[in-house]
Amino acid sequence: MEDLALLLQEARVAWEMGDRRALRMRALALQGTADRLGMPQVRTVAGDVIALCSAGDEAALAAIVERLQRLGEGSLCAVWDAQVPVV
């Protein structure tokens, strides 16, 4: 879960810096992490980010990066909330 949180943050920074190469690399890593964690929607949206990094459609890329952030953060919250407290 820490990997997912870190990659989401790094992807956001790459997007804000305008570094599409770094954004693409983080999205690739997010795909693998999402696979390991059983999060198919996160994997799919990360794939959309990868595809749009080279498409040249800035508006679509902006929208899908935001979708990835919302979906990833929502997934992290859901897992966190579902954890059984340690006694």
Protein backbone atom coordinates (compact mmCIF):
# COMPACT_ATOMS: atom_id res chain seq x y z
CA MET A 1 0.00 0.00 0.00
CA GLU A 2 2.90 2.33 0.72
CA ASP A 3 4.18 1.74 -2.82
CA LEU A 4 0.82 2.76 -4.25
CA ALA A 5 0.70 5.94 -2.17
CA LEU A 6 4.27 6.87 -3.11
CA LEU A 7 3.72 6.23 -6.82
CA LEU A 8 0.54 8.30 -6.83
CA GLN A 9 2.42 11.18 -5.24
CA GLU A 10 5.32 10.85 -7.67
CA ALA A 11 2.89 10.74 -10.61
CA ARG A 12 1.22 13.93 -9.39
CA VAL A 13 4.58 15.69 -9.07
CA ALA A 14 5.62 14.52 -12.55
CA TRP A 15 2.35 15.84 -13.96
CA GLU A 16 2.71 19.19 -12.19
CA MET A 17 6.29 19.50 -13.44
CA GLY A 18 5.22 18.67 -16.99
CA ASP A 19 7.52 15.64 -17.09
CA ARG A 20 5.63 13.19 -19.28
CA ARG A 21 8.47 10.68 -19.30
CA ALA A 22 8.43 10.47 -15.49
CA LEU A 23 4.62 10.40 -15.48
CA ARG A 24 4.64 7.49 -17.92
CA MET A 25 7.21 5.61 -15.82
CA ARG A 26 5.15 6.09 -12.64
CA ALA A 27 2.00 4.95 -14.45
CA LEU A 28 3.83 1.80 -15.59
CA ALA A 29 4.90 1.14 -12.00
CA LEU A 30 1.34 1.81 -10.81
CA GLN A 31 0.07 -0.84 -13.20
CA GLY A 32 2.34 -3.45 -11.65
CA THR A 33 1.51 -2.38 -8.11
CA ALA A 34 -2.22 -2.39 -8.84
CA ASP A 35 -1.89 -5.91 -10.28
CA ARG A 36 -0.19 -7.13 -7.11
CA LEU A 37 -2.82 -5.50 -4.90
CA GLY A 38 -5.80 -6.70 -6.94
CA MET A 39 -6.95 -3.25 -8.08
CA PRO A 40 -7.98 -3.69 -11.73
CA GLN A 41 -9.55 -0.24 -12.09
CA VAL A 42 -6.35 1.47 -10.96
CA ARG A 43 -4.42 -0.69 -13.44
CA THR A 44 -6.76 0.26 -16.28
CA VAL A 45 -6.64 3.99 -15.58
CA ALA A 46 -2.84 3.88 -15.25
CA GLY A 47 -2.82 2.28 -18.71
CA ASP A 48 -4.92 5.17 -20.00
CA VAL A 49 -2.34 7.60 -18.61
CA ILE A 50 0.43 5.70 -20.41
CA ALA A 51 -1.48 5.82 -23.70
CA LEU A 52 -2.27 9.52 -23.40
CA CYS A 53 1.28 10.54 -22.49
CA SER A 54 2.22 10.25 -26.15
CA ALA A 55 -1.13 11.17 -27.71
CA GLY A 56 -0.72 14.94 -27.41
CA ASP A 57 -4.22 15.54 -26.04
CA GLU A 58 -3.44 17.69 -23.00
CA ALA A 59 -7.06 18.01 -21.85
CA ALA A 60 -7.65 14.26 -21.95
CA LEU A 61 -4.37 13.58 -20.15
CA ALA A 62 -5.22 16.12 -17.45
CA ALA A 63 -8.61 14.50 -16.91
CA ILE A 64 -7.25 10.96 -16.72
CA VAL A 65 -4.40 11.96 -14.38
CA GLU A 66 -6.99 13.45 -12.03
CA ARG A 67 -9.11 10.32 -12.36
CA LEU A 68 -6.09 8.17 -11.48
CA GLN A 69 -5.45 10.30 -8.39
CA ARG A 70 -9.07 10.11 -7.22
CA LEU A 71 -9.34 6.38 -7.86
CA GLY A 72 -5.98 5.61 -6.26
CA GLU A 73 -6.65 7.71 -3.18
CA GLY A 74 -10.13 6.23 -2.86
CA SER A 75 -8.68 2.73 -3.05
CA LEU A 76 -6.11 3.56 -0.38
CA CYS A 77 -8.84 4.93 1.90
CA ALA A 78 -11.04 1.88 1.35
CA VAL A 79 -8.23 -0.51 2.24
CA TRP A 80 -7.24 1.61 5.25
CA ASP A 81 -10.84 1.71 6.52
CA ALA A 82 -11.24 -2.06 6.07
CA GLN A 83 -8.19 -2.93 8.16
CA VAL A 84 -8.90 -4.72 11.39
CA PRO A 85 -7.45 -2.86 14.38
CA VAL A 86 -4.56 -4.55 16.13
CA VAL A 87 -5.30 -5.18 19.80
